[in-house]
Amino acid sequence: MTSEESRVVVPRNFRLLEELERGEKGIGDGTVSYGMDDADDIYMCSWTGTIIGPQNTVHEGRIYQLKLSCDKDYPDKPPTVRFQTRINMTCVNQETGMVEPGLFPMLANWQREYTMEDILMSLKKEMSSPQNRKLHQPPEGSDDQRMEQKDLAQRCAIL
């Protein structure tokens, strides 16, 4: 019997339940956490993540909120990841806060074994990378304003 034949594929909901349990227990040093947005979401699609910025970077001490969305193809395909908190990183779209899969290797080279925890830890590590560790950051407290400003601009254009 080859290793491919003996490989067991864990169903999506079981996998997400495992991730939920792990997220509720806390991860490592406590600078990364995640959980479900809505306990009544039976499809377990909408998740919230938090990253506390790494030391010795412009992100130090900042708290970043993210939304992760797992569609029906997760974990075969990666979740969509969006920063709620404004952040300046090379892999994040500045207007939408979306982590761009083509610019973030973990999403670009997604493997079924990867988890939401892996994504958050990798984003935290990316904050410490030479290209991101000293980038000027938006003022603190500017969460979710990117979408509100975009909607306002669209409404003004219509008027």
Protein backbone atom coordinates (compact mmCIF):
# COMPACT_ATOMS: atom_id res chain seq x y z
CA MET A 1 0.00 0.00 0.00
CA THR A 2 1.46 3.38 -0.98
CA SER A 3 1.30 6.46 1.19
CA GLU A 4 -1.25 8.00 -1.21
CA GLU A 5 -3.59 5.06 -0.78
CA SER A 6 -3.37 5.24 3.02
CA ARG A 7 -3.90 9.02 3.17
CA VAL A 8 -7.17 9.92 4.89
CA VAL A 9 -8.92 13.11 3.79
CA VAL A 10 -10.57 14.79 6.76
CA PRO A 11 -13.97 16.28 5.82
CA ARG A 12 -14.24 20.09 5.77
CA ASN A 13 -16.44 20.44 8.87
CA PHE A 14 -14.26 18.11 10.98
CA ARG A 15 -11.21 20.06 9.91
CA LEU A 16 -12.84 23.37 10.82
CA LEU A 17 -13.96 22.00 14.18
CA GLU A 18 -10.33 21.01 14.87
CA GLU A 19 -9.19 24.52 13.93
CA LEU A 20 -11.88 26.08 16.13
CA GLU A 21 -10.81 23.99 19.10
CA ARG A 22 -7.16 24.90 18.56
CA GLY A 23 -8.01 28.59 18.14
CA GLU A 24 -10.00 28.63 21.36
CA LYS A 25 -7.09 27.13 23.30
CA GLY A 26 -4.75 29.93 22.21
CA ILE A 27 -1.68 29.81 20.06
CA GLY A 28 1.95 29.96 21.14
CA ASP A 29 2.89 33.22 22.83
CA GLY A 30 -0.60 34.73 22.49
CA THR A 31 0.28 37.25 19.77
CA VAL A 32 -1.97 35.47 17.26
CA SER A 33 -5.52 34.26 17.83
CA TYR A 34 -8.59 33.32 15.82
CA GLY A 35 -12.14 32.09 16.18
CA MET A 36 -15.53 32.05 14.54
CA ASP A 37 -17.42 35.30 13.94
CA ASP A 38 -20.79 33.76 14.69
CA ALA A 39 -21.27 30.67 16.84
CA ASP A 40 -24.56 30.01 14.99
CA ASP A 41 -22.81 29.80 11.58
CA ILE A 42 -23.35 26.08 10.93
CA TYR A 43 -21.22 26.23 7.77
CA MET A 44 -18.29 27.73 9.71
CA CYS A 45 -17.48 30.20 6.93
CA SER A 46 -16.73 33.47 8.71
CA TRP A 47 -13.76 33.77 11.07
CA THR A 48 -11.95 36.59 12.86
CA GLY A 49 -8.22 36.67 13.43
CA THR A 50 -6.02 38.92 15.53
CA ILE A 51 -2.30 39.58 15.20
CA ILE A 52 -0.30 41.65 17.68
CA GLY A 53 2.51 43.29 15.72
CA PRO A 54 5.98 41.82 16.19
CA GLN A 55 8.64 43.54 18.27
CA ASN A 56 11.33 45.71 16.69
CA THR A 57 9.10 46.65 13.73
CA VAL A 58 6.75 49.56 12.96
CA HIS A 59 3.98 47.08 13.82
CA GLU A 60 5.14 46.59 17.43
CA GLY A 61 2.28 46.82 19.92
CA ARG A 62 -0.38 47.35 17.24
CA ILE A 63 -3.38 45.06 17.20
CA TYR A 64 -4.52 43.97 13.75
CA GLN A 65 -7.98 42.50 13.16
CA LEU A 66 -8.60 40.27 10.15
CA LYS A 67 -11.54 38.48 8.55
CA LEU A 68 -11.02 35.03 7.09
CA SER A 69 -13.70 33.50 4.91
CA CYS A 70 -13.72 29.76 4.24
CA ASP A 71 -15.95 28.80 1.34
CA LYS A 72 -17.18 25.28 0.56
CA ASP A 73 -13.82 24.35 -1.03
CA TYR A 74 -11.76 24.98 2.14
CA PRO A 75 -9.28 23.43 2.98
CA ASP A 76 -8.63 22.37 -0.61
CA LYS A 77 -8.54 26.06 -1.52
CA PRO A 78 -7.35 28.86 0.77
CA PRO A 79 -9.69 31.18 2.61
CA THR A 80 -9.93 34.81 1.60
CA VAL A 81 -8.09 36.99 4.08
CA ARG A 82 -8.84 40.67 4.68
CA PHE A 83 -7.32 43.07 7.18
CA GLN A 84 -10.04 45.03 8.99
CA THR A 85 -7.36 47.22 10.51
CA ARG A 86 -5.57 49.43 8.02
CA ILE A 87 -2.03 48.23 7.39
CA ASN A 88 0.72 48.94 4.91
CA MET A 89 2.27 45.65 3.74
CA THR A 90 3.53 44.60 0.33
CA CYS A 91 1.02 41.71 0.10
CA VAL A 92 -2.07 43.72 1.15
CA ASN A 93 -4.30 45.74 -1.18
CA GLN A 94 -4.35 49.24 0.35
CA GLU A 95 -7.93 50.02 -0.73
CA THR A 96 -9.65 46.79 0.28
CA GLY A 97 -7.36 45.29 2.92
CA MET A 98 -7.37 41.97 1.02
CA VAL A 99 -4.26 39.84 1.27
CA GLU A 100 -3.34 39.34 -2.38
CA PRO A 101 -2.78 35.62 -3.06
CA GLY A 102 -0.25 36.34 -5.81
CA LEU A 103 1.85 38.43 -3.41
CA PHE A 104 1.61 36.17 -0.35
CA PRO A 105 3.38 32.83 -0.94
CA MET A 106 1.31 30.81 1.53
CA LEU A 107 -1.91 31.59 -0.36
CA ALA A 108 -0.27 31.38 -3.79
CA ASN A 109 1.14 27.91 -3.02
CA TRP A 110 -1.74 26.70 -0.87
CA GLN A 111 -1.64 23.14 0.44
CA ARG A 112 -4.51 21.33 2.11
CA GLU A 113 -2.44 20.84 5.26
CA TYR A 114 -2.18 24.59 5.86
CA THR A 115 -4.49 26.12 8.46
CA MET A 116 -5.81 29.54 9.41
CA GLU A 117 -3.27 29.52 12.22
CA ASP A 118 -0.51 29.01 9.64
CA ILE A 119 -1.81 31.99 7.65
CA LEU A 120 -1.86 34.29 10.68
CA MET A 121 1.59 33.18 11.84
CA SER A 122 2.94 33.67 8.32
CA LEU A 123 1.42 37.16 8.08
CA LYS A 124 3.02 38.04 11.43
CA LYS A 125 6.35 36.77 10.11
CA GLU A 126 5.83 38.81 6.92
CA MET A 127 5.44 41.94 9.08
CA SER A 128 9.03 41.35 10.24
CA SER A 129 10.42 40.89 6.73
CA PRO A 130 12.86 43.54 5.44
CA GLN A 131 10.33 44.90 2.94
CA ASN A 132 7.60 45.40 5.59
CA ARG A 133 9.27 45.98 8.95
CA LYS A 134 9.84 49.72 8.43
CA LEU A 135 7.00 50.72 6.07
CA HIS A 136 5.10 53.81 7.21
CA GLN A 137 1.77 52.76 8.74
CA PRO A 138 -1.64 54.45 8.75
CA PRO A 139 -2.62 56.12 12.05
CA GLU A 140 -3.93 53.77 14.71
CA GLY A 141 -7.70 53.62 15.08
CA SER A 142 -8.38 53.72 11.34
CA ASP A 143 -10.08 50.32 11.27
CA ASP A 144 -12.74 49.68 8.62
CA GLN A 145 -12.56 53.26 7.35
CA ARG A 146 -11.25 52.15 3.96
CA MET A 147 -14.61 50.67 2.95
CA GLU A 148 -16.62 53.53 4.46
CA GLN A 149 -14.52 56.08 2.55
CA LYS A 150 -14.84 54.08 -0.67
CA ASP A 151 -18.64 53.84 -0.26
CA LEU A 152 -18.83 57.57 0.49
CA ALA A 153 -16.83 58.37 -2.65
CA GLN A 154 -19.17 56.20 -4.71
CA ARG A 155 -22.26 57.88 -3.23
CA CYS A 156 -20.79 61.33 -3.91
CA ALA A 157 -20.02 60.36 -7.50
CA ILE A 158 -23.64 59.27 -8.00
CA LEU A 159 -25.03 62.55 -6.61
